[in-house]
Amino acid sequence: MATTEQIESAQRKLERARAERDSWKGSNRHNYEMASHLVAALEKELARLLSEDGH
């Protein structure tokens, strides 16, 4: 079962990763793509935590 702290931590990481991804948009395609992969992985992790917690 996921704790509130784990969920909040995952949300913060996802927000930071999205901001970093967006900062690369239009300037460096490779870095943007790598950051997009990280965002996708963090979204999956957050979804897993939320499903464990029953949200």
PDB file of N, CA and C in Angstrom:
ATOM      1  N   MET A   1       0.844  -1.183   0.000  1.00  0.00           N
ATOM      2  CA  MET A   1       0.000   0.000   0.000  1.00  0.00           C
ATOM      3  C   MET A   1       0.885   1.242   0.000  1.00  0.00           C
ATOM      4  N   ALA A   2       0.593   2.140  -0.900  1.00  0.00           N
ATOM      5  CA  ALA A   2       1.373   3.369  -1.032  1.00  0.00           C
ATOM      6  C   ALA A   2       0.986   4.360   0.061  1.00  0.00           C
ATOM      7  N   THR A   3       1.988   5.041   0.581  1.00  0.00           N
ATOM      8  CA  THR A   3       1.723   6.060   1.589  1.00  0.00           C
ATOM      9  C   THR A   3       1.487   7.409   0.911  1.00  0.00           C
ATOM     10  N   THR A   4       0.891   8.306   1.654  1.00  0.00           N
ATOM     11  CA  THR A   4       0.667   9.663   1.146  1.00  0.00           C
ATOM     12  C   THR A   4       1.996  10.311   0.778  1.00  0.00           C
ATOM     13  N   GLU A   5       3.020  10.072   1.585  1.00  0.00           N
ATOM     14  CA  GLU A   5       4.333  10.646   1.319  1.00  0.00           C
ATOM     15  C   GLU A   5       4.908  10.128   0.003  1.00  0.00           C
ATOM     16  N   GLN A   6       4.734   8.831  -0.270  1.00  0.00           N
ATOM     17  CA  GLN A   6       5.226   8.261  -1.523  1.00  0.00           C
ATOM     18  C   GLN A   6       4.505   8.878  -2.721  1.00  0.00           C
ATOM     19  N   ILE A   7       3.211   9.035  -2.600  1.00  0.00           N
ATOM     20  CA  ILE A   7       2.420   9.615  -3.691  1.00  0.00           C
ATOM     21  C   ILE A   7       2.820  11.065  -3.918  1.00  0.00           C
ATOM     22  N   GLU A   8       2.942  11.832  -2.840  1.00  0.00           N
ATOM     23  CA  GLU A   8       3.326  13.239  -2.970  1.00  0.00           C
ATOM     24  C   GLU A   8       4.729  13.379  -3.550  1.00  0.00           C
ATOM     25  N   SER A   9       5.639  12.506  -3.150  1.00  0.00           N
ATOM     26  CA  SER A   9       6.995  12.523  -3.686  1.00  0.00           C
ATOM     27  C   SER A   9       6.987  12.224  -5.182  1.00  0.00           C
ATOM     28  N   ALA A  10       6.211  11.237  -5.585  1.00  0.00           N
ATOM     29  CA  ALA A  10       6.107  10.892  -7.009  1.00  0.00           C
ATOM     30  C   ALA A  10       5.512  12.048  -7.803  1.00  0.00           C
ATOM     31  N   GLN A  11       4.538  12.736  -7.229  1.00  0.00           N
ATOM     32  CA  GLN A  11       3.929  13.883  -7.912  1.00  0.00           C
ATOM     33  C   GLN A  11       4.940  15.010  -8.088  1.00  0.00           C
ATOM     34  N   ARG A  12       5.745  15.274  -7.061  1.00  0.00           N
ATOM     35  CA  ARG A  12       6.765  16.325  -7.150  1.00  0.00           C
ATOM     36  C   ARG A  12       7.820  15.976  -8.201  1.00  0.00           C
ATOM     37  N   LYS A  13       8.260  14.709  -8.207  1.00  0.00           N
ATOM     38  CA  LYS A  13       9.241  14.277  -9.205  1.00  0.00           C
ATOM     39  C   LYS A  13       8.681  14.438 -10.614  1.00  0.00           C
ATOM     40  N   LEU A  14       7.416  14.083 -10.791  1.00  0.00           N
ATOM     41  CA  LEU A  14       6.783  14.194 -12.097  1.00  0.00           C
ATOM     42  C   LEU A  14       6.686  15.655 -12.531  1.00  0.00           C
ATOM     43  N   GLU A  15       6.316  16.539 -11.622  1.00  0.00           N
ATOM     44  CA  GLU A  15       6.234  17.968 -11.949  1.00  0.00           C
ATOM     45  C   GLU A  15       7.598  18.511 -12.382  1.00  0.00           C
ATOM     46  N   ARG A  16       8.655  18.139 -11.649  1.00  0.00           N
ATOM     47  CA  ARG A  16      10.005  18.596 -12.007  1.00  0.00           C
ATOM     48  C   ARG A  16      10.430  18.035 -13.362  1.00  0.00           C
ATOM     49  N   ALA A  17      10.137  16.761 -13.596  1.00  0.00           N
ATOM     50  CA  ALA A  17      10.515  16.135 -14.867  1.00  0.00           C
ATOM     51  C   ALA A  17       9.778  16.774 -16.035  1.00  0.00           C
ATOM     52  N   ARG A  18       8.509  17.091 -15.841  1.00  0.00           N
ATOM     53  CA  ARG A  18       7.749  17.759 -16.911  1.00  0.00           C
ATOM     54  C   ARG A  18       8.330  19.139 -17.208  1.00  0.00           C
ATOM     55  N   ALA A  19       8.689  19.869 -16.165  1.00  0.00           N
ATOM     56  CA  ALA A  19       9.272  21.204 -16.361  1.00  0.00           C
ATOM     57  C   ALA A  19      10.603  21.102 -17.098  1.00  0.00           C
ATOM     58  N   GLU A  20      11.426  20.121 -16.723  1.00  0.00           N
ATOM     59  CA  GLU A  20      12.705  19.940 -17.404  1.00  0.00           C
ATOM     60  C   GLU A  20      12.483  19.540 -18.858  1.00  0.00           C
ATOM     61  N   ARG A  21      11.563  18.614 -19.086  1.00  0.00           N
ATOM     62  CA  ARG A  21      11.243  18.200 -20.458  1.00  0.00           C
ATOM     63  C   ARG A  21      10.826  19.407 -21.288  1.00  0.00           C
ATOM     64  N   ASP A  22       9.926  20.206 -20.738  1.00  0.00           N
ATOM     65  CA  ASP A  22       9.417  21.364 -21.470  1.00  0.00           C
ATOM     66  C   ASP A  22      10.510  22.398 -21.744  1.00  0.00           C
ATOM     67  N   SER A  23      11.508  22.467 -20.861  1.00  0.00           N
ATOM     68  CA  SER A  23      12.597  23.421 -21.074  1.00  0.00           C
ATOM     69  C   SER A  23      13.461  23.033 -22.273  1.00  0.00           C
ATOM     70  N   TRP A  24      13.472  21.759 -22.631  1.00  0.00           N
ATOM     71  CA  TRP A  24      14.260  21.294 -23.772  1.00  0.00           C
ATOM     72  C   TRP A  24      13.505  21.406 -25.086  1.00  0.00           C
ATOM     73  N   LYS A  25      12.213  21.607 -25.036  1.00  0.00           N
ATOM     74  CA  LYS A  25      11.404  21.618 -26.257  1.00  0.00           C
ATOM     75  C   LYS A  25      11.902  22.701 -27.213  1.00  0.00           C
ATOM     76  N   GLY A  26      12.184  22.297 -28.428  1.00  0.00           N
ATOM     77  CA  GLY A  26      12.614  23.234 -29.451  1.00  0.00           C
ATOM     78  C   GLY A  26      14.093  23.547 -29.455  1.00  0.00           C
ATOM     79  N   SER A  27      14.833  23.140 -28.420  1.00  0.00           N
ATOM     80  CA  SER A  27      16.247  23.493 -28.392  1.00  0.00           C
ATOM     81  C   SER A  27      17.171  22.286 -28.553  1.00  0.00           C
ATOM     82  N   ASN A  28      16.763  21.144 -28.067  1.00  0.00           N
ATOM     83  CA  ASN A  28      17.617  19.963 -28.154  1.00  0.00           C
ATOM     84  C   ASN A  28      16.726  18.738 -28.202  1.00  0.00           C
ATOM     85  N   ARG A  29      16.556  18.203 -29.386  1.00  0.00           N
ATOM     86  CA  ARG A  29      15.605  17.102 -29.579  1.00  0.00           C
ATOM     87  C   ARG A  29      15.968  15.866 -28.753  1.00  0.00           C
ATOM     88  N   HIS A  30      17.247  15.513 -28.726  1.00  0.00           N
ATOM     89  CA  HIS A  30      17.661  14.317 -27.982  1.00  0.00           C
ATOM     90  C   HIS A  30      17.329  14.454 -26.497  1.00  0.00           C
ATOM     91  N   ASN A  31      17.697  15.578 -25.908  1.00  0.00           N
ATOM     92  CA  ASN A  31      17.416  15.773 -24.484  1.00  0.00           C
ATOM     93  C   ASN A  31      15.915  15.810 -24.217  1.00  0.00           C
ATOM     94  N   TYR A  32      15.157  16.412 -25.127  1.00  0.00           N
ATOM     95  CA  TYR A  32      13.702  16.450 -24.982  1.00  0.00           C
ATOM     96  C   TYR A  32      13.132  15.034 -25.002  1.00  0.00           C
ATOM     97  N   GLU A  33      13.610  14.207 -25.927  1.00  0.00           N
ATOM     98  CA  GLU A  33      13.121  12.831 -26.012  1.00  0.00           C
ATOM     99  C   GLU A  33      13.489  12.031 -24.765  1.00  0.00           C
ATOM    100  N   MET A  34      14.700  12.202 -24.271  1.00  0.00           N
ATOM    101  CA  MET A  34      15.114  11.492 -23.058  1.00  0.00           C
ATOM    102  C   MET A  34      14.271  11.942 -21.865  1.00  0.00           C
ATOM    103  N   ALA A  35      14.029  13.233 -21.763  1.00  0.00           N
ATOM    104  CA  ALA A  35      13.201  13.749 -20.676  1.00  0.00           C
ATOM    105  C   ALA A  35      11.769  13.252 -20.813  1.00  0.00           C
ATOM    106  N   SER A  36      11.291  13.096 -22.037  1.00  0.00           N
ATOM    107  CA  SER A  36       9.939  12.568 -22.265  1.00  0.00           C
ATOM    108  C   SER A  36       9.825  11.130 -21.781  1.00  0.00           C
ATOM    109  N   HIS A  37      10.883  10.344 -21.979  1.00  0.00           N
ATOM    110  CA  HIS A  37      10.883   8.960 -21.488  1.00  0.00           C
ATOM    111  C   HIS A  37      10.823   8.932 -19.958  1.00  0.00           C
ATOM    112  N   LEU A  38      11.553   9.836 -19.333  1.00  0.00           N
ATOM    113  CA  LEU A  38      11.525   9.917 -17.874  1.00  0.00           C
ATOM    114  C   LEU A  38      10.129  10.291 -17.389  1.00  0.00           C
ATOM    115  N   VAL A  39       9.496  11.255 -18.039  1.00  0.00           N
ATOM    116  CA  VAL A  39       8.137  11.662 -17.674  1.00  0.00           C
ATOM    117  C   VAL A  39       7.189  10.473 -17.790  1.00  0.00           C
ATOM    118  N   ALA A  40       7.288   9.720 -18.871  1.00  0.00           N
ATOM    119  CA  ALA A  40       6.412   8.562 -19.066  1.00  0.00           C
ATOM    120  C   ALA A  40       6.613   7.531 -17.959  1.00  0.00           C
ATOM    121  N   ALA A  41       7.860   7.287 -17.587  1.00  0.00           N
ATOM    122  CA  ALA A  41       8.141   6.324 -16.524  1.00  0.00           C
ATOM    123  C   ALA A  41       7.585   6.807 -15.184  1.00  0.00           C
ATOM    124  N   LEU A  42       7.741   8.090 -14.903  1.00  0.00           N
ATOM    125  CA  LEU A  42       7.227   8.637 -13.647  1.00  0.00           C
ATOM    126  C   LEU A  42       5.700   8.640 -13.622  1.00  0.00           C
ATOM    127  N   GLU A  43       5.074   8.859 -14.775  1.00  0.00           N
ATOM    128  CA  GLU A  43       3.611   8.791 -14.843  1.00  0.00           C
ATOM    129  C   GLU A  43       3.128   7.377 -14.530  1.00  0.00           C
ATOM    130  N   LYS A  44       3.829   6.381 -15.047  1.00  0.00           N
ATOM    131  CA  LYS A  44       3.472   4.986 -14.760  1.00  0.00           C
ATOM    132  C   LYS A  44       3.649   4.672 -13.280  1.00  0.00           C
ATOM    133  N   GLU A  45       4.743   5.160 -12.707  1.00  0.00           N
ATOM    134  CA  GLU A  45       4.996   4.925 -11.285  1.00  0.00           C
ATOM    135  C   GLU A  45       3.913   5.572 -10.429  1.00  0.00           C
ATOM    136  N   LEU A  46       3.538   6.795 -10.760  1.00  0.00           N
ATOM    137  CA  LEU A  46       2.487   7.473 -10.007  1.00  0.00           C
ATOM    138  C   LEU A  46       1.166   6.726 -10.142  1.00  0.00           C
ATOM    139  N   ALA A  47       0.849   6.278 -11.335  1.00  0.00           N
ATOM    140  CA  ALA A  47      -0.391   5.521 -11.546  1.00  0.00           C
ATOM    141  C   ALA A  47      -0.384   4.243 -10.712  1.00  0.00           C
ATOM    142  N   ARG A  48       0.773   3.583 -10.647  1.00  0.00           N
ATOM    143  CA  ARG A  48       0.883   2.365  -9.839  1.00  0.00           C
ATOM    144  C   ARG A  48       0.656   2.673  -8.360  1.00  0.00           C
ATOM    145  N   LEU A  49       1.281   3.732  -7.880  1.00  0.00           N
ATOM    146  CA  LEU A  49       1.115   4.107  -6.473  1.00  0.00           C
ATOM    147  C   LEU A  49      -0.337   4.451  -6.162  1.00  0.00           C
ATOM    148  N   LEU A  50      -0.973   5.176  -7.072  1.00  0.00           N
ATOM    149  CA  LEU A  50      -2.372   5.552  -6.849  1.00  0.00           C
ATOM    150  C   LEU A  50      -3.283   4.331  -6.858  1.00  0.00           C
ATOM    151  N   SER A  51      -2.993   3.362  -7.726  1.00  0.00           N
ATOM    152  CA  SER A  51      -3.836   2.163  -7.768  1.00  0.00           C
ATOM    153  C   SER A  51      -3.638   1.319  -6.515  1.00  0.00           C
ATOM    154  N   GLU A  52      -2.422   1.311  -5.974  1.00  0.00           N
ATOM    155  CA  GLU A  52      -2.160   0.590  -4.724  1.00  0.00           C
ATOM    156  C   GLU A  52      -2.906   1.232  -3.565  1.00  0.00           C
ATOM    157  N   ASP A  53      -3.037   2.546  -3.636  1.00  0.00           N
ATOM    158  CA  ASP A  53      -3.659   3.290  -2.543  1.00  0.00           C
ATOM    159  C   ASP A  53      -5.177   3.334  -2.676  1.00  0.00           C
ATOM    160  N   GLY A  54      -5.697   2.892  -3.804  1.00  0.00           N
ATOM    161  CA  GLY A  54      -7.137   2.866  -3.993  1.00  0.00           C
ATOM    162  C   GLY A  54      -7.738   4.151  -4.512  1.00  0.00           C
ATOM    163  N   HIS A  55      -6.916   5.051  -5.043  1.00  0.00           N
ATOM    164  CA  HIS A  55      -7.430   6.317  -5.600  1.00  0.00           C
ATOM    165  C   HIS A  55      -7.937   6.109  -6.997  1.00  0.00           C
TER     166      HIS A  55
END
